[in-house]
Amino acid sequence: MSQILRQRFHPSTEQLIESSAETIATSAYEAIAQRGAFHLVLAGGNTPQAIYQQLRQIQTDWSKWFIYFGDERCLPTGDQERNDLMAEQNWLNQVSIPKTQIYNIPAEKGAELAAKEYSELLSNLETFDLVLLGLGEDGHTASLFPEHELGSAADASACLAVSNAPKPPADRVSLSAQRLSQTRQLIFIVSGKGKQDALRAWQAGAAIPAAAIAPECGVDVYMDMDAAV
């Protein structure tokens, strides 16, 4: 399926953060009202960190939230560079989502085993409600990097073991492009001038990893004016 791309510009990073948090809250409200649960995939990075801090303040039924991660670095549990610790410190530890509904990627077990176990866990869920992703300066998203396997095929595994990543650590686990595309809503959150080249390439139709994510619902790119091209 070809990617349907929509862009939403924000005058400042602060407004990007506020708008993103509002969208997540609205998505949660609608999912809980319609289906009784909200299944959310988190992104790592500095801008998502600020969004997660905003989410502490929203009014919602936290008992209906289910949290997943788009990727994780193969580092020991509790390492400061892990995405799950960032989300816990900035948000998850301050709200009442049941711990049994927060599904960390067991990347401390190594990429191959962690990818296998997380793929098995995700087999119990057909469709996410919302996936959050970032965009790297090289066009990568989650831990799907240029010149690496993206998992775009229809029969791709839900999770990929990533080795030789161009950014440390070299070993990671990432949801595949195919699995990230199985969602009702998907938002890329893009901030900063350093992302302009990647956005320009993406808009021009280059086959960057971000372009491999193609849910039926389309892709919304939330960006601040520094990132806009």
Protein backbone atom coordinates (compact mmCIF):
# COMPACT_ATOMS: atom_id res chain seq x y z
CA MET A 1 0.00 0.00 0.00
CA SER A 2 1.29 3.46 -0.84
CA GLN A 3 1.65 5.94 1.98
CA ILE A 4 -0.98 8.65 2.48
CA LEU A 5 0.81 11.65 3.98
CA ARG A 6 -0.78 14.62 5.75
CA GLN A 7 1.19 17.47 7.29
CA ARG A 8 0.23 19.66 10.22
CA PHE A 9 2.37 22.68 11.00
CA HIS A 10 2.77 24.26 14.44
CA PRO A 11 4.26 27.74 15.03
CA SER A 12 6.43 26.57 17.93
CA THR A 13 7.74 23.43 19.59
CA GLU A 14 5.57 24.20 22.62
CA GLN A 15 2.44 24.21 20.46
CA LEU A 16 3.59 20.99 18.77
CA ILE A 17 3.87 19.35 22.19
CA GLU A 18 0.50 20.66 23.35
CA SER A 19 -1.25 19.65 20.14
CA SER A 20 0.27 16.15 20.22
CA ALA A 21 -0.82 15.60 23.83
CA GLU A 22 -4.35 16.78 22.98
CA THR A 23 -4.50 14.38 20.03
CA ILE A 24 -3.41 11.45 22.21
CA ALA A 25 -6.01 12.33 24.84
CA THR A 26 -8.76 12.57 22.21
CA SER A 27 -7.71 9.28 20.62
CA ALA A 28 -7.82 7.61 24.04
CA TYR A 29 -11.27 9.01 24.80
CA GLU A 30 -12.67 7.78 21.49
CA ALA A 31 -11.06 4.33 21.71
CA ILE A 32 -12.29 3.76 25.27
CA ALA A 33 -15.79 4.95 24.39
CA GLN A 34 -15.99 2.78 21.28
CA ARG A 35 -14.01 -0.33 22.22
CA GLY A 36 -13.35 -0.17 25.96
CA ALA A 37 -9.55 0.06 25.69
CA PHE A 38 -6.78 2.24 24.28
CA HIS A 39 -3.70 0.56 22.78
CA LEU A 40 -0.85 3.06 22.33
CA VAL A 41 2.67 2.61 20.90
CA LEU A 42 5.25 5.02 22.29
CA ALA A 43 8.19 6.71 20.60
CA GLY A 44 11.47 7.67 22.22
CA GLY A 45 13.21 11.04 21.95
CA ASN A 46 13.25 14.51 23.48
CA THR A 47 10.03 15.86 22.01
CA PRO A 48 7.97 12.77 22.99
CA GLN A 49 9.45 13.13 26.49
CA ALA A 50 7.87 16.57 26.81
CA ILE A 51 4.58 15.22 25.43
CA TYR A 52 4.56 12.45 28.03
CA GLN A 53 5.00 15.03 30.78
CA GLN A 54 1.91 16.81 29.45
CA LEU A 55 -0.10 13.59 29.56
CA ARG A 56 0.19 13.40 33.34
CA GLN A 57 -2.44 16.15 33.54
CA ILE A 58 -5.20 14.77 31.33
CA GLN A 59 -8.51 13.40 32.63
CA THR A 60 -8.93 9.80 31.48
CA ASP A 61 -9.63 6.28 32.69
CA TRP A 62 -6.04 5.08 33.00
CA SER A 63 -7.21 1.52 33.73
CA LYS A 64 -8.19 1.21 30.06
CA TRP A 65 -4.76 2.18 28.67
CA PHE A 66 -2.35 -0.42 27.23
CA ILE A 67 1.19 0.74 26.47
CA TYR A 68 3.67 -0.68 23.93
CA PHE A 69 7.00 0.54 22.57
CA GLY A 70 8.02 1.05 18.96
CA ASP A 71 11.63 0.11 19.66
CA GLU A 72 14.15 -0.43 22.40
CA ARG A 73 17.91 -0.44 22.83
CA CYS A 74 19.58 -3.65 23.96
CA LEU A 75 20.79 -2.32 27.29
CA PRO A 76 20.29 -3.51 30.88
CA THR A 77 16.95 -2.89 32.55
CA GLY A 78 17.01 0.55 34.15
CA ASP A 79 19.67 1.96 31.82
CA GLN A 80 19.19 5.71 31.33
CA GLU A 81 19.28 5.30 27.53
CA ARG A 82 16.29 2.97 27.38
CA ASN A 83 13.00 4.26 26.00
CA ASP A 84 10.95 2.48 28.64
CA LEU A 85 12.78 4.18 31.51
CA MET A 86 12.29 7.60 29.91
CA ALA A 87 8.55 6.97 29.59
CA GLU A 88 8.34 5.70 33.18
CA GLN A 89 10.23 8.63 34.68
CA ASN A 90 8.36 11.29 32.75
CA TRP A 91 4.86 9.85 32.76
CA LEU A 92 3.99 6.24 33.47
CA ASN A 93 5.15 6.21 37.09
CA GLN A 94 2.96 9.25 37.80
CA VAL A 95 -0.36 7.82 36.57
CA SER A 96 -2.41 4.76 37.44
CA ILE A 97 -2.05 2.61 34.32
CA PRO A 98 -1.82 -0.97 35.66
CA LYS A 99 1.77 -2.21 35.47
CA THR A 100 0.47 -5.40 33.82
CA GLN A 101 -0.76 -3.23 30.91
CA ILE A 102 2.65 -1.67 30.20
CA TYR A 103 4.53 -3.96 27.82
CA ASN A 104 8.24 -3.20 27.82
CA ILE A 105 10.38 -4.81 25.13
CA PRO A 106 12.71 -7.26 26.98
CA ALA A 107 15.75 -5.95 25.10
CA GLU A 108 18.06 -6.80 27.99
CA LYS A 109 17.74 -10.42 26.81
CA GLY A 110 19.40 -9.61 23.48
CA ALA A 111 17.88 -8.56 20.18
CA GLU A 112 16.95 -11.97 18.78
CA LEU A 113 15.17 -13.33 21.86
CA ALA A 114 13.52 -10.02 22.68
CA ALA A 115 12.18 -9.66 19.14
CA LYS A 116 10.78 -13.19 19.27
CA GLU A 117 9.09 -12.69 22.64
CA TYR A 118 7.60 -9.31 21.74
CA SER A 119 6.32 -10.64 18.43
CA GLU A 120 4.53 -13.38 20.35
CA LEU A 121 3.04 -10.85 22.75
CA LEU A 122 1.77 -8.69 19.88
CA SER A 123 0.12 -11.68 18.22
CA ASN A 124 -2.67 -11.23 20.79
CA LEU A 125 -3.54 -7.78 19.42
CA GLU A 126 -4.70 -7.21 15.86
CA THR A 127 -4.65 -3.42 15.65
CA PHE A 128 -3.16 -0.58 17.68
CA ASP A 129 -5.29 2.51 18.28
CA LEU A 130 -2.45 5.01 17.95
CA VAL A 131 1.24 4.74 17.03
CA LEU A 132 3.66 7.56 17.82
CA LEU A 133 6.88 7.80 15.83
CA GLY A 134 9.80 10.18 15.47
CA LEU A 135 11.99 10.94 12.47
CA GLY A 136 15.77 10.80 12.50
CA GLU A 137 18.00 13.10 10.50
CA ASP A 138 18.82 10.12 8.25
CA GLY A 139 15.13 9.29 7.75
CA HIS A 140 15.03 6.45 10.26
CA THR A 141 12.05 5.84 12.51
CA ALA A 142 11.80 3.60 15.57
CA SER A 143 14.97 1.52 15.00
CA LEU A 144 14.35 1.05 11.29
CA PHE A 145 17.48 2.46 9.65
CA PRO A 146 18.50 3.10 6.03
CA GLU A 147 20.10 0.08 4.35
CA HIS A 148 18.69 -2.22 7.03
CA GLU A 149 15.73 -4.59 6.94
CA LEU A 150 12.49 -2.65 7.44
CA GLY A 151 10.02 -5.51 7.66
CA SER A 152 7.72 -4.08 4.99
CA ALA A 153 6.49 -7.37 3.52
CA ALA A 154 2.99 -8.57 4.39
CA ASP A 155 4.44 -11.64 6.11
CA ALA A 156 7.14 -9.75 8.02
CA SER A 157 7.60 -10.53 11.69
CA ALA A 158 6.02 -8.08 14.11
CA CYS A 159 9.44 -7.30 15.61
CA LEU A 160 12.91 -7.19 14.13
CA ALA A 161 16.25 -7.86 15.75
CA VAL A 162 18.47 -4.96 14.67
CA SER A 163 22.25 -5.27 14.58
CA ASN A 164 24.94 -2.88 13.35
CA ALA A 165 22.70 0.15 13.90
CA PRO A 166 24.44 3.36 12.78
CA LYS A 167 23.68 4.93 16.17
CA PRO A 168 24.80 3.32 19.45
CA PRO A 169 23.96 0.89 20.79
CA ALA A 170 24.39 -1.28 17.73
CA ASP A 171 21.87 -3.90 18.90
CA ARG A 172 18.22 -2.96 19.14
CA VAL A 173 14.70 -4.31 18.76
CA SER A 174 12.13 -2.57 16.57
CA LEU A 175 8.58 -3.14 15.53
CA SER A 176 8.57 -3.80 11.80
CA ALA A 177 7.14 -1.38 9.25
CA GLN A 178 4.37 -3.85 8.59
CA ARG A 179 3.38 -4.09 12.29
CA LEU A 180 3.61 -0.35 12.88
CA SER A 181 1.19 0.07 9.98
CA GLN A 182 -1.48 -2.02 11.73
CA THR A 183 -3.07 0.91 13.53
CA ARG A 184 -6.14 3.12 13.45
CA GLN A 185 -4.07 6.31 13.73
CA LEU A 186 -0.38 7.13 13.28
CA ILE A 187 1.49 10.34 14.05
CA PHE A 188 5.08 11.31 13.32
CA ILE A 189 6.29 14.01 15.71
CA VAL A 190 9.05 16.04 14.07
CA SER A 191 10.91 18.95 15.63
CA GLY A 192 14.02 20.98 14.80
CA LYS A 193 15.98 22.22 11.81
CA GLY A 194 18.05 19.04 11.75
CA LYS A 195 15.06 17.16 10.35
CA GLN A 196 14.61 19.34 7.28
CA ASP A 197 16.70 17.21 4.90
CA ALA A 198 14.88 14.03 5.90
CA LEU A 199 11.51 15.71 5.49
CA ARG A 200 12.51 17.11 2.11
CA ALA A 201 13.59 13.66 0.92
CA TRP A 202 10.39 12.10 2.27
CA GLN A 203 8.18 14.67 0.55
CA ALA A 204 10.07 14.09 -2.71
CA GLY A 205 9.26 10.38 -2.58
CA ALA A 206 12.61 9.01 -1.43
CA ALA A 207 12.50 5.51 0.03
CA ILE A 208 13.56 6.51 3.53
CA PRO A 209 12.49 4.14 6.34
CA ALA A 210 9.71 6.50 7.44
CA ALA A 211 8.12 6.09 4.00
CA ALA A 212 7.69 2.36 4.61
CA ILE A 213 5.02 2.94 7.27
CA ALA A 214 1.73 2.84 5.37
CA PRO A 215 -1.38 2.28 7.47
CA GLU A 216 -4.79 2.39 5.80
CA CYS A 217 -5.64 5.43 7.94
CA GLY A 218 -2.75 7.40 6.48
CA VAL A 219 0.10 9.15 8.27
CA ASP A 220 -0.11 12.50 10.05
CA VAL A 221 3.16 14.43 10.37
CA TYR A 222 3.07 16.95 13.22
CA MET A 223 5.97 19.37 12.89
CA ASP A 224 7.15 22.68 14.30
CA MET A 225 8.20 25.52 12.01
CA ASP A 226 11.89 24.77 12.55
CA ALA A 227 11.40 21.39 10.91
CA ALA A 228 9.13 22.61 8.13
CA VAL A 229 10.53 22.80 4.60
